Protein backbone atom coordinates (compact mmCIF):
# COMPACT_ATOMS: atom_id res chain seq x y z
CA MET A 1 9.68 75.84 -18.50
CA ASP A 2 13.37 74.93 -18.93
CA ALA A 3 13.37 73.18 -15.58
CA MET A 4 10.21 71.23 -16.48
CA ARG A 5 11.67 70.20 -19.84
CA THR A 6 14.90 69.08 -18.21
CA TRP A 7 13.00 66.98 -15.63
CA ALA A 8 10.81 65.40 -18.33
CA ASP A 9 13.78 64.61 -20.52
CA SER A 10 15.64 62.99 -17.66
CA GLU A 11 12.56 60.91 -16.73
CA PHE A 12 11.98 59.59 -20.21
CA ALA A 13 15.68 59.02 -20.77
CA GLY A 14 15.90 57.14 -17.51
CA GLY A 15 12.99 54.82 -18.31
CA PRO A 16 14.66 52.66 -20.96
CA LYS A 17 17.92 52.81 -19.04
CA THR A 18 16.22 51.48 -15.91
CA ILE A 19 14.51 48.70 -17.87
CA ARG A 20 17.80 47.82 -19.59
CA SER A 21 19.58 47.73 -16.22
CA TYR A 22 16.84 45.49 -14.79
CA PHE A 23 17.19 42.97 -17.61
CA GLN A 24 20.96 43.00 -17.32
CA ASN A 25 20.78 42.30 -13.60
CA SER A 26 18.30 39.50 -14.31
CA GLY A 27 20.68 37.90 -16.79
CA ILE A 28 21.93 35.33 -14.32
CA TYR A 29 18.38 34.23 -13.47
CA ILE A 30 17.34 33.96 -17.10
CA PHE A 31 20.49 31.98 -17.93
CA LEU A 32 20.28 29.55 -15.02
CA ILE A 33 16.53 28.95 -15.19
CA SER A 34 16.33 28.58 -18.96
CA PHE A 35 19.23 26.17 -19.30
CA GLY A 36 18.23 24.30 -16.16
CA CYS A 37 14.74 23.79 -17.58
CA VAL A 38 16.14 22.70 -20.96
CA TYR A 39 18.20 20.09 -19.12
CA TYR A 40 15.22 18.87 -17.10
CA LEU A 41 12.96 18.70 -20.14
CA SER A 42 15.63 16.73 -22.00
CA ASN A 43 15.30 14.13 -19.24
CA ALA A 44 11.49 14.17 -19.26
CA GLU A 45 11.33 10.39 -19.63
CA LEU A 46 13.21 10.05 -16.34
CA LEU A 47 10.92 12.59 -14.65
CA LEU A 48 8.07 10.10 -15.17
CA GLY A 49 10.17 7.07 -14.27
CA HIS A 50 9.44 6.94 -10.53
CA TYR A 51 8.09 3.49 -9.63
CA ASP A 52 5.51 4.98 -7.23
CA LEU A 53 3.94 7.43 -9.68
CA GLY A 54 1.26 4.90 -10.63
CA TRP A 55 -0.19 4.47 -7.16
CA HIS A 56 0.06 8.22 -6.47
CA LEU A 57 -2.13 8.93 -9.50
CA ALA A 58 -4.56 6.18 -8.49
CA ALA A 59 -4.69 7.56 -4.93
CA GLY A 60 -5.46 11.03 -6.28
CA ASP A 61 -8.30 9.61 -8.38
CA LEU A 62 -9.65 7.79 -5.33
CA LEU A 63 -9.49 10.89 -3.14
CA ARG A 64 -11.22 13.05 -5.72
CA ASP A 65 -13.97 10.45 -6.24
CA ARG A 66 -14.64 9.87 -2.54
CA GLY A 67 -14.07 13.40 -1.30
CA ASN A 68 -12.24 12.13 1.80
CA ILE A 69 -9.02 10.42 2.88
CA PRO A 70 -9.21 6.60 2.97
CA PHE A 71 -7.46 5.06 5.97
CA GLN A 72 -7.56 1.50 4.60
CA ASP A 73 -5.86 0.42 1.39
CA PRO A 74 -8.49 -0.59 -1.23
CA TRP A 75 -6.08 -2.24 -3.69
CA SER A 76 -4.23 -5.09 -1.93
CA PHE A 77 -5.26 -8.41 -0.42
CA THR A 78 -2.42 -8.49 2.10
CA LEU A 79 -3.02 -5.38 4.20
CA GLY A 80 -4.67 -7.22 7.10
CA ASP A 81 -5.75 -4.66 9.70
CA ARG A 82 -2.97 -2.24 8.82
CA GLN A 83 -3.94 1.45 8.59
CA TRP A 84 -2.79 3.27 5.46
CA PHE A 85 -0.90 6.47 6.26
CA ASN A 86 -0.98 8.46 3.03
CA LEU A 87 1.41 11.30 3.84
CA SER A 88 1.27 12.67 0.30
CA TRP A 89 -2.50 12.92 -0.18
CA LEU A 90 -2.45 16.55 -1.36
CA TRP A 91 0.27 15.88 -3.93
CA ASP A 92 -1.72 12.88 -5.16
CA VAL A 93 -4.80 15.04 -5.71
CA ILE A 94 -2.81 17.71 -7.58
CA ALA A 95 -1.07 15.09 -9.75
CA SER A 96 -4.36 13.33 -10.49
CA ALA A 97 -6.01 16.57 -11.62
CA LEU A 98 -3.04 17.54 -13.76
CA TYR A 99 -3.01 14.13 -15.39
CA GLN A 100 -6.77 14.22 -16.07
CA TYR A 101 -6.74 17.60 -17.80
CA THR A 102 -3.23 17.80 -19.30
CA ASN A 103 -2.03 14.19 -19.43
CA PHE A 104 1.67 13.61 -18.73
CA SER A 105 2.65 16.95 -20.29
CA GLY A 106 1.16 18.85 -17.36
CA LEU A 107 2.91 16.64 -14.83
CA VAL A 108 6.27 17.16 -16.53
CA LEU A 109 5.80 20.93 -16.75
CA PHE A 110 4.78 21.02 -13.08
CA VAL A 111 8.00 19.22 -12.11
CA VAL A 112 10.13 21.43 -14.36
CA GLY A 113 8.44 24.48 -12.82
CA CYS A 114 9.46 23.29 -9.34
CA GLY A 115 13.00 22.85 -10.65
CA ALA A 116 12.94 26.39 -12.04
CA VAL A 117 11.92 27.82 -8.64
CA ILE A 118 14.74 25.88 -6.96
CA VAL A 119 17.27 27.26 -9.46
CA GLY A 120 16.05 30.84 -9.05
CA TYR A 121 15.91 30.63 -5.27
CA LEU A 122 19.45 29.26 -5.01
CA ALA A 123 20.73 32.01 -7.29
CA SER A 124 19.02 34.64 -5.13
CA ILE A 125 20.49 33.20 -1.92
CA CYS A 126 24.01 33.08 -3.34
CA LEU A 127 23.86 36.61 -4.75
CA SER A 128 22.54 37.99 -1.47
CA SER A 129 25.48 36.31 0.29
CA GLY A 130 27.87 38.54 -1.67
CA ALA A 131 29.15 36.17 -4.38
CA SER A 132 29.70 37.49 -7.90
CA ALA A 133 27.47 36.59 -10.83
CA ALA A 134 30.16 34.41 -12.40
CA ALA A 135 30.75 32.42 -9.19
CA VAL A 136 27.02 32.02 -8.58
CA SER A 137 26.37 30.78 -12.10
CA ILE A 138 29.09 28.13 -11.77
CA SER A 139 27.99 26.98 -8.31
CA VAL A 140 24.22 26.95 -8.85
CA PHE A 141 24.35 25.49 -12.36
CA SER A 142 26.61 22.65 -11.18
CA ALA A 143 24.43 21.83 -8.18
CA CYS A 144 21.19 21.96 -10.18
CA LEU A 145 22.58 19.58 -12.79
CA LEU A 146 23.68 17.11 -10.12
CA TYR A 147 21.02 17.02 -7.39
CA PRO A 148 18.30 15.32 -9.53
CA SER A 149 20.65 12.29 -9.88
CA PHE A 150 19.51 11.44 -13.40
CA ALA A 151 22.49 9.07 -13.65
CA THR A 152 20.98 6.69 -11.07
CA PRO A 153 17.37 5.91 -12.07
CA PRO A 154 14.90 5.24 -10.56
CA ASN A 155 16.36 7.21 -7.65
CA ILE A 156 15.54 10.61 -9.15
CA TYR A 157 15.12 13.63 -6.87
CA LEU A 158 13.44 15.95 -9.34
CA ALA A 159 10.64 13.76 -10.64
CA ALA A 160 6.88 13.39 -10.76
CA SER A 161 6.80 12.35 -7.10
CA PRO A 162 6.05 14.09 -3.77
CA ASN A 163 9.77 14.10 -3.00
CA THR A 164 10.15 17.08 -5.36
CA CYS A 165 8.14 19.19 -2.89
CA THR A 166 10.63 18.33 -0.17
CA MET A 167 13.54 19.45 -2.37
CA LEU A 168 11.75 22.73 -3.11
CA PHE A 169 10.68 23.51 0.45
CA CYS A 170 14.11 22.65 1.89
CA VAL A 171 15.62 25.32 -0.36
CA ILE A 172 12.93 27.84 0.63
CA PHE A 173 13.46 27.14 4.35
CA PHE A 174 17.22 27.47 3.87
CA GLY A 175 16.89 30.75 1.97
CA GLU A 176 14.39 32.41 4.27
CA CYS A 177 16.32 31.45 7.41
CA LEU A 178 19.54 32.71 5.84
CA LYS A 179 18.00 36.05 4.81
CA ARG A 180 16.10 36.34 8.13
CA THR A 181 13.45 38.53 6.51
CA ARG A 182 10.31 36.41 5.99
CA CYS A 183 10.59 33.59 8.51
CA PHE A 184 6.96 34.23 9.48
CA LEU A 185 5.97 32.58 6.17
CA LEU A 186 7.61 29.27 7.04
CA PRO A 187 4.75 27.90 9.21
CA VAL A 188 2.40 28.47 6.25
CA ILE A 189 4.79 26.59 3.99
CA MET A 190 5.09 23.85 6.62
CA PHE A 191 1.31 23.41 6.56
CA LEU A 192 1.50 22.70 2.82
CA TRP A 193 4.63 20.57 3.17
CA ALA A 194 3.11 18.31 5.84
CA ASN A 195 0.21 17.52 3.51
CA LEU A 196 2.40 16.99 0.45
CA HIS A 197 5.21 14.72 1.65
CA GLY A 198 6.57 13.09 4.78
CA GLY A 199 9.92 14.80 4.24
CA PHE A 200 8.61 17.83 6.14
CA VAL A 201 10.71 16.73 9.13
CA LEU A 202 13.76 18.10 7.29
CA GLY A 203 12.30 21.58 7.70
CA PHE A 204 12.74 21.25 11.46
CA LEU A 205 16.34 20.17 10.93
CA VAL A 206 17.06 23.29 8.86
CA VAL A 207 15.45 25.60 11.43
CA GLY A 208 17.26 23.71 14.20
CA VAL A 209 20.66 24.34 12.60
CA PHE A 210 19.95 28.08 12.40
CA PHE A 211 18.65 28.03 15.99
CA GLY A 212 21.86 26.31 17.17
CA ALA A 213 24.09 28.77 15.30
CA ALA A 214 22.22 31.75 16.80
CA LEU A 215 22.56 30.22 20.26
CA LEU A 216 26.28 29.69 19.69
CA ARG A 217 26.70 33.35 18.69
CA ARG A 218 24.39 34.49 21.50
CA ASP A 219 22.31 36.28 18.89
CA TRP A 220 19.18 36.64 21.00
CA VAL A 221 17.14 38.50 18.39
CA ASN A 222 17.48 35.78 15.76
CA LEU A 223 17.23 33.09 18.42
CA LYS A 224 13.75 34.41 19.21
CA ILE A 225 12.83 34.45 15.51
CA TYR A 226 13.89 30.82 14.99
CA THR A 227 12.17 29.73 18.20
CA LEU A 228 8.86 31.26 17.11
CA THR A 229 9.33 29.80 13.63
CA GLY A 230 9.89 26.33 15.08
CA VAL A 231 6.83 26.62 17.32
CA GLY A 232 4.69 27.84 14.42
CA CYS A 233 5.86 24.97 12.21
CA SER A 234 5.15 22.46 15.00
CA ILE A 235 1.56 23.68 15.18
CA ALA A 236 1.16 23.77 11.38
CA ILE A 237 1.92 20.09 10.82
CA PHE A 238 -1.14 19.03 12.80
CA ILE A 239 -3.45 20.73 10.30
CA ASN A 240 -3.83 17.58 8.23
CA PRO A 241 -6.34 14.71 7.85
CA LEU A 242 -4.15 12.28 9.83
CA GLY A 243 -3.84 14.51 12.88
CA LEU A 244 -1.43 13.08 15.44
CA HIS A 245 -1.11 9.92 13.35
CA ILE A 246 1.06 11.84 10.90
CA TYR A 247 3.99 10.86 13.13
CA ASP A 248 3.03 7.19 12.82
CA GLY A 249 3.35 7.56 9.06
CA VAL A 250 6.75 9.24 9.35
CA VAL A 251 8.03 6.59 11.78
CA ALA A 252 6.80 3.88 9.39
CA THR A 253 9.21 5.35 6.81
CA LEU A 254 12.23 6.65 8.70
CA GLY A 255 14.39 4.08 10.44
CA HIS A 256 12.25 1.13 9.31
CA PHE A 257 13.97 -2.15 8.41
CA VAL A 258 12.56 -1.92 4.89
CA GLN A 259 15.08 0.85 4.12
CA ALA A 260 17.85 -1.74 3.93
CA ASN A 261 16.16 -3.17 0.82
CA ILE A 262 15.45 0.10 -1.04
CA THR A 263 18.31 1.48 -3.11
CA GLU A 264 17.78 5.18 -2.32
CA TRP A 265 18.25 4.41 1.39
CA MET A 266 21.48 2.49 0.74
CA SER A 267 24.94 4.05 0.86
CA TYR A 268 26.34 6.37 -1.79
CA TYR A 269 28.92 3.72 -2.70
CA GLU A 270 26.20 1.19 -3.55
CA ASN A 271 24.48 3.71 -5.85
CA ILE A 272 27.52 4.88 -7.79
CA SER A 273 27.19 4.27 -11.52
CA MET A 274 30.02 4.85 -13.94
CA PRO A 275 30.61 7.09 -15.78
CA GLY A 276 27.41 8.92 -14.75
CA SER A 277 28.52 9.57 -11.16
CA ILE A 278 31.91 11.09 -12.08
CA PRO A 279 30.66 14.74 -12.21
CA GLY A 280 29.11 14.36 -8.74
CA LEU A 281 32.33 12.92 -7.33
CA ILE A 282 34.34 15.79 -8.85
CA TYR A 283 31.93 18.31 -7.28
CA ILE A 284 32.27 16.63 -3.87
CA MET A 285 36.08 16.57 -4.05
CA MET A 286 36.18 20.20 -5.18
CA PHE A 287 33.93 21.23 -2.29
CA ILE A 288 36.09 19.42 0.27
CA ALA A 289 39.33 20.82 -1.21
CA LEU A 290 38.05 24.42 -1.19
CA GLU A 291 36.65 24.07 2.31
CA LEU A 292 40.02 22.88 3.59
CA ARG A 293 41.89 25.55 1.61
CA TYR A 294 39.69 28.50 2.64
CA ARG A 295 38.33 27.17 5.93
CA THR A 296 39.09 30.41 7.80
CA SER A 297 39.71 33.06 5.15
CA THR A 298 36.33 33.05 3.35
CA PRO A 299 33.33 34.61 5.20
CA VAL A 300 30.92 31.72 4.65
CA PRO A 301 27.71 31.69 6.74
CA LEU A 302 28.14 29.13 9.52
CA GLU A 303 24.68 27.66 8.88
CA SER A 304 25.45 27.00 5.22
CA ARG A 305 28.69 25.29 6.14
CA LEU A 306 27.04 23.14 8.82
CA LEU A 307 24.20 22.01 6.55
CA SER A 308 26.62 21.23 3.71
CA TRP A 309 28.87 19.02 5.82
CA LEU A 310 25.95 17.42 7.65
CA PHE A 311 24.26 16.30 4.44
CA LEU A 312 27.52 15.31 2.81
CA ILE A 313 28.14 12.87 5.68
CA LEU A 314 24.51 11.71 5.63
CA GLY A 315 24.73 11.34 1.84
CA PHE A 316 27.62 8.91 2.10
CA TYR A 317 25.55 6.92 4.59
CA GLN A 318 22.25 7.05 2.65
CA PHE A 319 22.24 8.06 -1.00
CA ARG A 320 19.05 10.16 -0.94
CA TYR A 321 20.66 12.80 1.30
CA MET A 322 23.45 13.54 -1.18
CA SER A 323 20.98 15.58 -3.26
CA PHE A 324 20.42 17.90 -0.30
CA PHE A 325 24.19 18.33 0.01
CA PHE A 326 24.36 19.65 -3.57
CA LEU A 327 21.59 22.15 -2.80
CA PHE A 328 22.88 23.38 0.56
CA SER A 329 26.51 23.65 -0.62
CA THR A 330 25.82 26.24 -3.34
CA VAL A 331 26.37 29.29 -1.10
CA THR A 332 29.59 27.92 0.37
CA LEU A 333 30.96 26.88 -3.02
CA ALA A 334 30.00 30.19 -4.70
CA LEU A 335 31.91 32.20 -2.09
CA HIS A 336 34.95 29.95 -2.43
CA ILE A 337 34.91 30.13 -6.24
CA ASP A 338 34.63 33.91 -6.02
CA ARG A 339 38.07 34.03 -4.38
CA MET A 340 39.64 32.21 -7.32
CA LEU A 341 38.13 34.38 -10.06
CA PRO A 342 40.08 37.37 -11.45
CA ARG A 343 39.31 40.57 -9.55
CA ARG A 344 39.25 42.56 -12.78
CA LEU A 345 36.23 40.56 -13.99
CA ASP A 346 33.45 43.03 -14.82
CA ASN A 347 30.26 41.85 -13.12
CA LEU A 348 28.06 43.90 -15.48
CA GLU A 349 29.69 42.38 -18.56
CA VAL A 350 29.22 38.91 -17.10
CA GLN A 351 25.51 39.64 -16.55
CA LYS A 352 25.19 40.85 -20.17
CA SER A 353 26.79 37.65 -21.46
CA LEU A 354 24.56 35.53 -19.24
CA LEU A 355 21.49 37.42 -20.45
CA ALA A 356 22.38 36.80 -24.10
CA ALA A 357 22.97 33.11 -23.45
CA GLY A 358 19.80 32.89 -21.33
CA ILE A 359 17.65 34.28 -24.14
CA ILE A 360 18.99 31.56 -26.43
CA GLY A 361 18.16 28.97 -23.77
CA ALA A 362 14.66 30.37 -23.33
CA CYS A 363 14.08 30.10 -27.09
CA ALA A 364 15.20 26.45 -26.94
CA LEU A 365 12.62 25.58 -24.25
CA PRO A 366 9.50 25.22 -26.47
CA LEU A 367 11.51 23.32 -29.08
CA THR A 368 12.76 20.90 -26.42
CA PHE A 369 9.25 20.37 -25.09
CA MET A 370 7.83 19.72 -28.56
CA GLN A 371 10.51 17.11 -29.12
CA VAL A 372 9.92 15.17 -25.87
CA ALA A 373 6.11 15.56 -25.55
CA PRO A 374 5.09 12.70 -27.91
CA ALA A 375 7.11 10.15 -25.92
CA LEU A 376 5.83 11.07 -22.44
CA ALA A 377 4.44 7.97 -20.71
CA LEU A 378 4.75 5.79 -17.65
CA PRO A 379 7.56 3.22 -17.59
CA GLN A 380 6.78 0.23 -19.81
CA MET A 381 7.73 -2.31 -17.14
CA LEU A 382 4.03 -3.10 -17.05
CA SER A 383 2.37 -2.08 -20.31
CA GLU A 384 -1.31 -1.49 -20.97
CA GLN A 385 -1.38 -4.76 -22.90
CA ASP A 386 -0.03 -6.59 -19.85
CA ALA A 387 -2.70 -4.93 -17.72
CA ILE A 388 -5.48 -5.96 -20.11
CA HIS A 389 -4.34 -9.57 -19.90
CA LEU A 390 -4.25 -9.38 -16.10
CA ARG A 391 -7.73 -7.83 -15.87
CA THR A 392 -9.13 -10.43 -18.26
CA HIS A 393 -7.64 -13.57 -16.74
CA PHE A 394 -6.60 -12.69 -13.17
CA SER A 395 -9.35 -10.45 -11.88
CA HIS A 396 -9.45 -10.87 -8.09
CA ALA A 397 -6.72 -13.55 -8.18
CA ARG A 398 -4.17 -13.78 -5.38
CA LEU A 399 -1.26 -12.45 -7.41
CA LEU A 400 2.28 -12.24 -6.03
CA ASN A 401 3.79 -9.25 -7.85
CA HIS A 402 7.27 -7.79 -7.95
CA TRP A 403 7.72 -4.68 -5.78
CA ASN A 404 8.68 -2.42 -8.71
CA VAL A 405 5.49 -3.05 -10.69
CA GLY A 406 3.08 -2.76 -7.75
CA GLY A 407 2.42 0.96 -8.29
CA LEU A 408 1.91 0.49 -12.04
CA LEU A 409 -0.43 -2.45 -11.39
CA ILE A 410 -2.56 -0.27 -9.10
CA PHE A 411 -2.68 2.52 -11.71
CA ARG A 412 -3.59 0.27 -14.63
CA THR A 413 -6.14 -1.95 -12.85
CA HIS A 414 -7.40 0.26 -9.94
CA GLY A 415 -7.82 -2.75 -7.68
CA SER A 416 -9.49 -5.17 -10.10
CA VAL A 417 -6.26 -7.18 -9.83
CA PRO A 418 -5.31 -6.89 -6.13
CA VAL A 419 -1.62 -6.35 -5.43
CA PHE A 420 0.61 -8.25 -3.02
CA VAL A 421 2.96 -5.32 -2.28
CA ASP A 422 4.11 -1.98 -3.70
CA GLY A 423 6.32 0.99 -2.89
CA ARG A 424 4.13 2.29 -0.07
CA ALA A 425 5.98 -0.22 2.13
CA ALA A 426 5.37 0.12 5.87
CA THR A 427 2.89 2.99 5.47
CA ALA A 428 0.38 0.47 4.06
CA TYR A 429 1.62 -3.09 4.73
CA PRO A 430 2.25 -5.15 7.88
CA ASP A 431 5.87 -5.75 8.88
CA ASP A 432 5.49 -9.54 8.69
CA LEU A 433 4.43 -9.36 5.07
CA LEU A 434 7.34 -7.07 4.18
CA ARG A 435 9.80 -9.45 5.84
CA ASP A 436 8.31 -12.34 3.89
CA TYR A 437 8.51 -10.44 0.61
CA PHE A 438 12.13 -9.32 0.89
CA LYS A 439 13.23 -12.93 1.33
CA LEU A 440 12.07 -13.37 -2.28
CA ALA A 441 13.71 -10.23 -3.67
CA GLU A 442 17.10 -11.84 -4.24
CA LEU A 443 18.78 -12.97 -7.42
CA GLU A 444 19.45 -16.35 -5.85
CA VAL A 445 16.14 -18.16 -5.39
CA SER A 446 15.55 -19.46 -1.86
CA GLU A 447 13.27 -22.42 -2.49
CA THR A 448 12.23 -22.61 1.16
CA ALA A 449 11.27 -18.92 1.26
CA TRP A 450 9.29 -19.16 -1.99
CA ASP A 451 7.45 -22.31 -0.94
CA THR A 452 6.58 -20.71 2.40
CA VAL A 453 5.22 -17.50 0.88
CA LEU A 454 3.28 -19.28 -1.89
CA GLU A 455 1.57 -21.49 0.67
CA LYS A 456 1.13 -18.91 3.44
CA TYR A 457 -0.64 -16.38 1.19
CA GLN A 458 -2.34 -18.99 -1.05
CA ILE A 459 -0.85 -17.48 -4.20
CA ASP A 460 -2.55 -18.32 -7.50
CA ALA A 461 -0.18 -16.52 -9.87
CA VAL A 462 3.21 -14.79 -9.85
CA LEU A 463 3.97 -11.58 -11.78
CA TRP A 464 7.75 -11.27 -11.88
CA VAL A 465 10.66 -9.91 -13.87
CA LYS A 466 10.91 -11.82 -17.14
CA ALA A 467 14.72 -11.86 -17.04
CA HIS A 468 14.83 -13.76 -13.71
CA GLU A 469 15.78 -17.10 -15.23
CA GLN A 470 16.41 -18.85 -11.90
CA LEU A 471 12.84 -18.17 -10.78
CA ARG A 472 11.51 -19.52 -14.07
CA ARG A 473 13.46 -22.75 -13.61
CA PHE A 474 12.27 -23.07 -10.00
CA LEU A 475 8.56 -22.46 -10.68
CA VAL A 476 8.26 -24.21 -14.05
CA ASP A 477 10.79 -27.03 -13.84
CA LYS A 478 10.66 -27.85 -10.12
CA ARG A 479 7.15 -26.88 -9.01
CA GLY A 480 5.21 -27.56 -12.22
CA TRP A 481 3.90 -24.00 -12.68
CA LYS A 482 3.20 -22.69 -16.18
CA GLU A 483 4.55 -19.49 -17.74
CA GLU A 484 1.13 -18.42 -18.93
CA TYR A 485 2.08 -14.99 -20.34
CA ALA A 486 5.30 -13.18 -21.24
CA GLY A 487 5.27 -9.42 -21.79
CA MET A 488 8.18 -7.23 -22.72
CA TYR A 489 9.54 -7.04 -19.16
CA GLU A 490 7.27 -9.21 -16.97
CA SER A 491 6.13 -12.84 -17.01
CA ILE A 492 3.05 -14.39 -15.39
CA TYR A 493 3.38 -17.82 -13.84
CA VAL A 494 0.22 -19.73 -12.84
CA LYS A 495 -0.23 -22.45 -10.30
CA PRO A 496 -0.89 -25.97 -11.68
């Protein structure tokens, strides 16, 4: 009886202790996820600020109505015989359903949820690499504040756009390859990725880096794992409505001349905004300094180091890749920071402090959402009032619209006012048309280029940025057009 009582007492005494220990060890996750989500919700307006969100929602509506994937664009009058490669059809359907049943609140919460998974996954990877809780919290929190690039709208990399799936899946691929425990799941994830966004090619780059590192170390066991993973992923991408043509859609995006005219594909230097970019520059300089200082003394995984430097170099060349640098550098930076922290730092006490702060952050989440929810809406570059005027007076007109409002025009009119061009670029429009358009997308008006395009495409009206005074003087004063309507951001000019 004494032995039984002793066993029972120890069991019941150990229960609360085990639960308490679990919550303490989860303190870093609660802290990082709660405050990360508060930060993302505080920028909810930017999460909905992607110029392409309009056409994605319209595409999702179209797919759900038809029940199949359209291969010809139904909204423009300039497509010619060009096939439309919609690489994000599954994301469009999900976004459309969320918007129908939950309005913009559901879309924002979906994006914030993806951000929360990224934060938690990065924390798990860094902790499993041996870094302390304090170092991990500094590294992951810094990276997760910086990679969305909220300082450089509309180039946002945690937003209501398919690109968010690429950010999420890149982190999952990185983590699973680094842990080497569940690589068999990656082909399944690749199947989803290939139907959500054309950025799935980055998954092969991540696996390729791990394959190369295993080959360099002559680690035949892991080399076999990464080989099978790569083969499985290669098969998975063909399970999609486009079949082999999925590569045509990717090629129409990567390396296309249109990239030179889109800011996110330009260099990091051309996208720097002051003072918003200062924290990112400090992070980059700190990473480089620590890498040079501890290049041989800190046991950093080779794959993490290779991916960090690769995307740092790519990020300087094309701005969009800098976000991946922030994500991939967290493990390397956490291990370096760990060397600089005092050895007497109690990891358990740090976890307790993080847990207390995380609970406060979690309590702030619903309050933050309630504050931002009433203002959630698409960008007002093209308002509903503007769209009503267009539908009333320019239904089926040959309208030359500005690139940035093309997606909003599709969303608000659903094809009743056909568009000239929008952010789908070479995945939906012929190269000749894109070359013609980008001759117009300059501050200085080229009269020859404008006259050529207006005549070649028999344009009836022009929907352009209201603040472009030179265009107003050219169309109204020199060509006799009339500024028929002026909204808050856009003006409509009609042919005499």
